Amino acid sequence: MRKTRNFTQLTAHKRDRMEALLNSGHNQSEVANILKVNKSTISREMVRRKKDGYYDAETAHHKATVNRENSKHQGMKIERNPDLKKHIISELKQYQSPDCIAGRMKKERRSIRVSSDAIYRWLRSSYGQRYCKYLCTKRYRKKPQRKTVKRHIIPNMMSIHNVSPASRLITEGDTFLSPKTVSKTSAVVVVWKNTKLLKGSIVKSLSPIHTTKVMKEIFKTYKSEAVILDQGIENQYHERLGIPAYFCDPASPRQKPLVENSIGQLRKWFYPKGINLAKVTNEEFQEKLEIMNNKYKKSLQYWSANEESRVRGILMDN
């Protein structure tokens, strides 16, 4: 991982010293060592801030000041208000986040305050980078955003907010997969909300044909009145499932917490991230699901998912 270095603007005092050192015959490396800056800083300063072909400290500082003022530098409001700057630094040192600092200033109705975005911009500028170490992420730069995933249109989607209160046997469905660089093999998992019963299967890929076939077979065998899914392309054929399908809001996995937690438990116990599911047979996967279904659960008063599902008529006794 590339290490990000701090940087600071040269002050008028350092520019005066730089001019004196250059006039006395020191080279760029020597000047950089004396001023404790990178030699490339001295090189750029000499190229950009000349007067009549020679470096002039007064001219250099004037040019730098004009450039910063004209560019409306990041964190300008904070830099121009010493009390505001002092308050923000004090809060950062107490490990308060920029969001909370801005929110607290608004709550206290401070006459001079800034938004969290303004604080982040100041922290990422040359003026505030030294205080980034007090952030939980310790980042000196904004985290690069992932490329936007191409959205697919799923026909006739019904929102999760429209689930009928009368529905009792509601399930949640989701998938987990092998690393994309390893294989396309995935696993489909369905969980009953009231009983925590787990059913699923290994599939060759996240193709809608494969995932729909697995879920359709599950709902033919076991009772369910509705299923909650996310807006992934694998759920494009939801109308073939035989039961109503309701969809979570975009990027809202918290709206189906049970299946997310169940997949997390499967990964914790048997299939850690990075495993190639192509090496897992469907028979082995079914065995692991049964182990989970026979575990006693505190939320079920220490009954297992299988026992609770038999009581509710989801499973039939052999």
Protein backbone atom coordinates (compact mmCIF):
# COMPACT_ATOMS: atom_id res chain seq x y z
CA MET A 1 0.00 0.00 0.00
CA ARG A 2 1.37 3.39 -0.97
CA LYS A 3 2.14 5.60 2.02
CA THR A 4 0.71 9.11 1.87
CA ARG A 5 3.03 11.85 3.09
CA ASN A 6 2.10 15.11 4.77
CA PHE A 7 2.99 18.39 3.13
CA THR A 8 2.94 22.03 4.24
CA GLN A 9 3.18 25.32 2.43
CA LEU A 10 6.46 27.24 2.66
CA THR A 11 6.17 30.23 4.99
CA ALA A 12 7.51 33.72 4.30
CA HIS A 13 10.32 33.08 6.81
CA LYS A 14 11.42 29.90 5.02
CA ARG A 15 11.33 31.67 1.67
CA ASP A 16 13.61 34.40 3.07
CA ARG A 17 16.03 31.78 4.35
CA MET A 18 15.86 29.94 1.02
CA GLU A 19 16.80 33.12 -0.89
CA ALA A 20 19.71 33.81 1.47
CA LEU A 21 21.01 30.24 1.22
CA LEU A 22 20.81 30.20 -2.57
CA ASN A 23 22.60 33.58 -2.79
CA SER A 24 25.38 32.26 -0.55
CA GLY A 25 26.08 29.41 -2.98
CA HIS A 26 24.22 26.45 -1.45
CA ASN A 27 22.75 23.94 -3.90
CA GLN A 28 19.12 22.72 -3.86
CA SER A 29 19.80 19.56 -1.81
CA GLU A 30 21.64 21.53 0.87
CA VAL A 31 18.84 24.11 1.07
CA ALA A 32 16.25 21.31 1.34
CA ASN A 33 18.16 19.68 4.22
CA ILE A 34 18.49 22.97 6.11
CA LEU A 35 14.80 23.88 5.66
CA LYS A 36 13.77 20.24 6.31
CA VAL A 37 11.71 19.90 3.14
CA ASN A 38 11.95 17.68 0.09
CA LYS A 39 14.42 18.85 -2.53
CA SER A 40 11.64 18.71 -5.15
CA THR A 41 9.86 21.44 -3.13
CA ILE A 42 12.90 23.69 -3.57
CA SER A 43 13.09 22.85 -7.26
CA ARG A 44 9.42 23.68 -7.90
CA GLU A 45 9.68 26.86 -5.83
CA MET A 46 12.66 28.08 -7.87
CA VAL A 47 10.98 27.36 -11.20
CA ARG A 48 7.64 29.00 -10.36
CA ARG A 49 8.70 31.98 -8.21
CA LYS A 50 11.36 33.87 -10.13
CA LYS A 51 11.91 37.58 -10.73
CA ASP A 52 14.22 38.66 -13.53
CA GLY A 53 15.54 35.10 -13.74
CA TYR A 54 16.47 34.85 -10.04
CA TYR A 55 14.60 33.57 -7.00
CA ASP A 56 13.11 36.42 -4.96
CA ALA A 57 11.46 35.56 -1.60
CA GLU A 58 9.12 38.56 -1.52
CA THR A 59 7.88 37.95 -5.06
CA ALA A 60 7.54 34.22 -4.38
CA HIS A 61 5.43 34.71 -1.27
CA HIS A 62 3.22 37.29 -3.00
CA LYS A 63 2.57 34.93 -5.93
CA ALA A 64 1.80 31.98 -3.60
CA THR A 65 -0.60 34.07 -1.50
CA VAL A 66 -2.47 35.36 -4.56
CA ASN A 67 -2.78 31.85 -5.98
CA ARG A 68 -4.21 30.46 -2.74
CA GLU A 69 -6.69 33.33 -2.34
CA ASN A 70 -7.86 33.09 -5.94
CA SER A 71 -8.31 29.34 -5.75
CA LYS A 72 -10.53 29.53 -2.62
CA HIS A 73 -8.37 26.97 -0.93
CA GLN A 74 -9.87 24.09 1.01
CA GLY A 75 -10.61 24.88 4.62
CA MET A 76 -10.54 28.63 3.97
CA LYS A 77 -13.33 29.41 6.47
CA ILE A 78 -11.65 27.37 9.21
CA GLU A 79 -8.26 28.95 8.57
CA ARG A 80 -9.71 32.47 8.74
CA ASN A 81 -11.43 31.84 12.09
CA PRO A 82 -8.83 30.96 14.76
CA ASP A 83 -11.45 30.22 17.45
CA LEU A 84 -13.33 27.88 15.13
CA LYS A 85 -10.09 26.15 14.12
CA LYS A 86 -9.03 25.77 17.77
CA HIS A 87 -12.42 24.26 18.67
CA ILE A 88 -12.32 21.74 15.82
CA ILE A 89 -8.76 20.67 16.66
CA SER A 90 -9.71 20.26 20.33
CA GLU A 91 -12.68 18.05 19.41
CA LEU A 92 -10.60 15.97 16.98
CA LYS A 93 -8.04 15.33 19.73
CA GLN A 94 -10.88 13.92 21.82
CA TYR A 95 -11.54 11.50 18.92
CA GLN A 96 -14.80 13.14 17.88
CA SER A 97 -15.69 12.58 14.23
CA PRO A 98 -16.18 15.53 11.82
CA ASP A 99 -19.87 14.56 11.49
CA CYS A 100 -20.38 14.76 15.25
CA ILE A 101 -18.36 17.98 15.57
CA ALA A 102 -20.48 19.69 12.91
CA GLY A 103 -23.71 18.31 14.39
CA ARG A 104 -22.77 19.48 17.88
CA MET A 105 -21.93 22.99 16.67
CA LYS A 106 -25.33 23.16 14.96
CA LYS A 107 -27.08 21.88 18.11
CA GLU A 108 -25.31 24.53 20.20
CA ARG A 109 -26.24 27.18 17.59
CA ARG A 110 -22.73 28.51 17.32
CA SER A 111 -22.59 31.78 15.39
CA ILE A 112 -19.64 30.54 13.33
CA ARG A 113 -19.80 26.91 12.33
CA VAL A 114 -19.07 24.66 9.37
CA SER A 115 -20.45 21.45 7.93
CA SER A 116 -18.82 18.05 8.20
CA ASP A 117 -17.86 18.26 4.51
CA ALA A 118 -16.01 21.51 5.15
CA ILE A 119 -14.10 19.89 8.03
CA TYR A 120 -13.13 16.94 5.84
CA ARG A 121 -11.98 19.27 3.06
CA TRP A 122 -9.86 21.18 5.56
CA LEU A 123 -8.37 17.94 6.91
CA ARG A 124 -7.43 16.86 3.40
CA SER A 125 -5.76 20.19 2.65
CA SER A 126 -2.20 21.12 3.53
CA TYR A 127 -3.51 23.05 6.55
CA GLY A 128 -5.26 20.20 8.33
CA GLN A 129 -3.47 17.03 7.28
CA ARG A 130 -1.47 16.88 10.50
CA TYR A 131 -4.76 16.27 12.36
CA CYS A 132 -5.92 13.35 10.18
CA LYS A 133 -4.22 11.01 12.66
CA TYR A 134 -7.15 11.67 15.03
CA LEU A 135 -9.66 10.22 12.52
CA CYS A 136 -10.66 6.61 13.00
CA THR A 137 -9.59 5.82 9.42
CA LYS A 138 -6.31 7.81 9.65
CA ARG A 139 -6.85 8.64 5.95
CA TYR A 140 -5.15 11.66 4.39
CA ARG A 141 -7.12 11.28 1.18
CA LYS A 142 -10.73 10.51 0.36
CA LYS A 143 -11.33 6.80 -0.14
CA PRO A 144 -11.65 6.08 -3.87
CA GLN A 145 -15.16 5.13 -4.89
CA ARG A 146 -15.90 1.86 -6.61
CA LYS A 147 -17.11 1.94 -10.14
CA THR A 148 -20.88 2.19 -10.33
CA VAL A 149 -22.40 -1.22 -10.90
CA LYS A 150 -24.64 -1.42 -13.92
CA ARG A 151 -28.25 -1.54 -12.79
CA HIS A 152 -30.62 -4.15 -14.11
CA ILE A 153 -34.35 -3.69 -14.42
CA ILE A 154 -36.36 -6.24 -12.45
CA PRO A 155 -39.96 -6.33 -13.70
CA ASN A 156 -42.96 -5.80 -11.41
CA MET A 157 -41.02 -5.30 -8.20
CA MET A 158 -43.02 -4.95 -4.98
CA SER A 159 -41.42 -3.00 -2.13
CA ILE A 160 -40.67 -4.61 1.21
CA HIS A 161 -42.79 -1.86 2.75
CA ASN A 162 -45.85 -3.47 1.15
CA VAL A 163 -45.53 -6.85 2.90
CA SER A 164 -48.93 -7.83 4.26
CA PRO A 165 -49.11 -7.87 8.08
CA ALA A 166 -51.24 -11.00 7.77
CA SER A 167 -48.32 -12.96 6.25
CA ARG A 168 -46.88 -15.30 8.88
CA LEU A 169 -44.56 -17.66 7.02
CA ILE A 170 -42.16 -15.09 5.55
CA THR A 171 -38.76 -16.04 4.21
CA GLU A 172 -35.63 -14.11 3.30
CA GLY A 173 -33.43 -15.13 0.38
CA ASP A 174 -29.88 -14.29 -0.60
CA THR A 175 -26.70 -15.68 -2.12
CA PHE A 176 -23.02 -15.89 -1.27
CA LEU A 177 -20.30 -16.69 -3.74
CA SER A 178 -16.71 -17.63 -4.39
CA PRO A 179 -14.15 -14.92 -5.17
CA LYS A 180 -14.76 -13.71 -8.72
CA THR A 181 -11.17 -14.51 -9.67
CA VAL A 182 -11.63 -18.14 -8.60
CA SER A 183 -14.98 -19.35 -9.90
CA LYS A 184 -18.59 -18.36 -10.55
CA THR A 185 -20.00 -21.03 -8.24
CA SER A 186 -22.37 -19.64 -5.61
CA ALA A 187 -24.78 -20.77 -2.91
CA VAL A 188 -28.46 -19.86 -2.59
CA VAL A 189 -29.85 -19.62 0.94
CA VAL A 190 -33.43 -19.16 2.15
CA VAL A 191 -34.34 -18.57 5.83
CA TRP A 192 -37.73 -18.65 7.53
CA LYS A 193 -38.12 -15.61 9.79
CA ASN A 194 -40.17 -17.24 12.57
CA THR A 195 -38.30 -20.53 12.80
CA LYS A 196 -34.76 -19.71 11.53
CA LEU A 197 -34.96 -22.73 9.21
CA LEU A 198 -32.21 -22.77 6.57
CA LYS A 199 -32.59 -24.26 3.11
CA GLY A 200 -30.47 -23.81 0.03
CA SER A 201 -28.24 -25.28 -2.61
CA ILE A 202 -24.98 -24.83 -4.53
CA VAL A 203 -25.45 -23.36 -8.03
CA LYS A 204 -23.09 -22.99 -10.97
CA SER A 205 -23.47 -19.21 -11.14
CA LEU A 206 -25.67 -16.29 -10.14
CA SER A 207 -27.64 -16.67 -13.34
CA PRO A 208 -31.36 -15.95 -12.72
CA ILE A 209 -32.18 -19.35 -14.20
CA HIS A 210 -30.13 -21.22 -11.57
CA THR A 211 -31.17 -19.20 -8.52
CA THR A 212 -34.84 -19.18 -9.49
CA LYS A 213 -34.85 -22.96 -10.02
CA VAL A 214 -33.42 -23.58 -6.54
CA MET A 215 -35.85 -21.24 -4.76
CA LYS A 216 -38.82 -22.58 -6.71
CA GLU A 217 -38.02 -26.14 -5.61
CA ILE A 218 -37.65 -25.03 -1.99
CA PHE A 219 -41.03 -23.26 -1.96
CA LYS A 220 -42.68 -26.29 -3.57
CA THR A 221 -41.45 -28.49 -0.74
CA TYR A 222 -41.72 -26.15 2.27
CA LYS A 223 -44.50 -23.72 3.13
CA SER A 224 -43.89 -20.03 2.62
CA GLU A 225 -46.29 -17.14 2.02
CA ALA A 226 -43.78 -14.52 0.84
CA VAL A 227 -40.06 -14.03 0.26
CA ILE A 228 -37.89 -10.94 0.74
CA LEU A 229 -35.05 -10.46 -1.76
CA ASP A 230 -32.53 -7.81 -2.75
CA GLN A 231 -32.42 -6.12 -6.14
CA GLY A 232 -29.69 -8.32 -7.63
CA ILE A 233 -29.99 -9.51 -11.22
CA GLU A 234 -30.20 -13.10 -9.94
CA ASN A 235 -33.76 -12.33 -8.77
CA GLN A 236 -34.96 -11.16 -12.18
CA TYR A 237 -37.34 -14.12 -12.58
CA HIS A 238 -39.04 -13.73 -9.20
CA GLU A 239 -42.49 -14.08 -10.78
CA ARG A 240 -41.76 -17.78 -11.41
CA LEU A 241 -41.30 -18.59 -7.70
CA GLY A 242 -44.97 -19.30 -7.08
CA ILE A 243 -45.17 -16.94 -4.06
CA PRO A 244 -45.10 -13.13 -3.77
CA ALA A 245 -41.59 -11.62 -3.75
CA TYR A 246 -40.85 -8.31 -2.02
CA PHE A 247 -37.67 -6.33 -2.63
CA CYS A 248 -35.45 -4.38 -0.24
CA ASP A 249 -34.52 -0.79 -0.95
CA PRO A 250 -31.25 -0.35 -2.91
CA ALA A 251 -28.11 -0.96 -0.81
CA SER A 252 -30.18 -1.90 2.27
CA PRO A 253 -29.08 -5.39 3.44
CA ARG A 254 -30.27 -4.44 6.95
CA GLN A 255 -33.83 -4.97 5.69
CA LYS A 256 -33.19 -8.72 5.55
CA PRO A 257 -30.99 -9.18 8.62
CA LEU A 258 -31.81 -12.83 9.27
CA VAL A 259 -30.43 -14.21 6.02
CA GLU A 260 -27.41 -11.91 6.22
CA ASN A 261 -26.65 -13.21 9.72
CA SER A 262 -27.26 -16.83 8.65
CA ILE A 263 -24.79 -16.50 5.78
CA GLY A 264 -22.34 -14.94 8.23
CA GLN A 265 -22.74 -17.96 10.51
CA LEU A 266 -22.21 -20.37 7.61
CA ARG A 267 -19.03 -18.55 6.68
CA LYS A 268 -17.88 -18.46 10.30
CA TRP A 269 -18.41 -22.16 10.87
CA PHE A 270 -17.75 -23.78 7.49
CA TYR A 271 -17.11 -21.52 4.49
CA PRO A 272 -14.80 -18.55 5.24
CA LYS A 273 -14.45 -15.79 2.67
CA GLY A 274 -12.09 -16.75 -0.09
CA ILE A 275 -13.18 -20.39 -0.28
CA ASN A 276 -13.89 -21.85 -3.71
CA LEU A 277 -17.46 -23.16 -3.54
CA ALA A 278 -16.84 -25.16 -6.72
CA LYS A 279 -15.00 -27.63 -4.48
CA VAL A 280 -18.04 -28.03 -2.22
CA THR A 281 -20.52 -30.72 -3.25
CA ASN A 282 -24.25 -30.12 -2.84
CA GLU A 283 -24.47 -33.13 -0.50
CA GLU A 284 -21.84 -31.62 1.78
CA PHE A 285 -23.64 -28.26 1.69
CA GLN A 286 -26.92 -29.91 2.72
CA GLU A 287 -25.16 -31.60 5.64
CA LYS A 288 -23.85 -28.26 6.87
CA LEU A 289 -27.32 -26.70 6.59
CA GLU A 290 -28.73 -29.54 8.69
CA ILE A 291 -26.07 -28.96 11.33
CA MET A 292 -27.20 -25.34 11.53
CA ASN A 293 -30.87 -26.36 11.59
CA ASN A 294 -30.27 -28.71 14.53
CA LYS A 295 -28.41 -26.14 16.65
CA TYR A 296 -30.31 -24.91 19.70
CA LYS A 297 -31.19 -21.22 19.46
CA LYS A 298 -31.75 -18.81 22.31
CA SER A 299 -34.23 -16.83 20.18
CA LEU A 300 -36.34 -20.02 19.88
CA GLN A 301 -36.26 -20.70 23.62
CA TYR A 302 -33.48 -23.23 23.02
CA TRP A 303 -35.42 -25.20 20.44
CA SER A 304 -33.74 -25.99 17.14
CA ALA A 305 -34.95 -24.60 13.81
CA ASN A 306 -36.04 -28.09 12.73
CA GLU A 307 -38.10 -28.62 15.90
CA GLU A 308 -39.78 -25.22 15.65
CA SER A 309 -40.51 -25.74 11.94
CA ARG A 310 -42.22 -29.07 12.60
CA VAL A 311 -44.44 -27.44 15.21
CA ARG A 312 -45.45 -24.73 12.74
CA GLY A 313 -46.09 -27.20 9.92
CA ILE A 314 -43.23 -26.09 7.68
CA LEU A 315 -41.52 -29.47 7.98
CA MET A 316 -43.28 -32.83 8.07
CA ASP A 317 -42.07 -35.69 10.27
CA ASN A 318 -40.26 -38.43 8.42
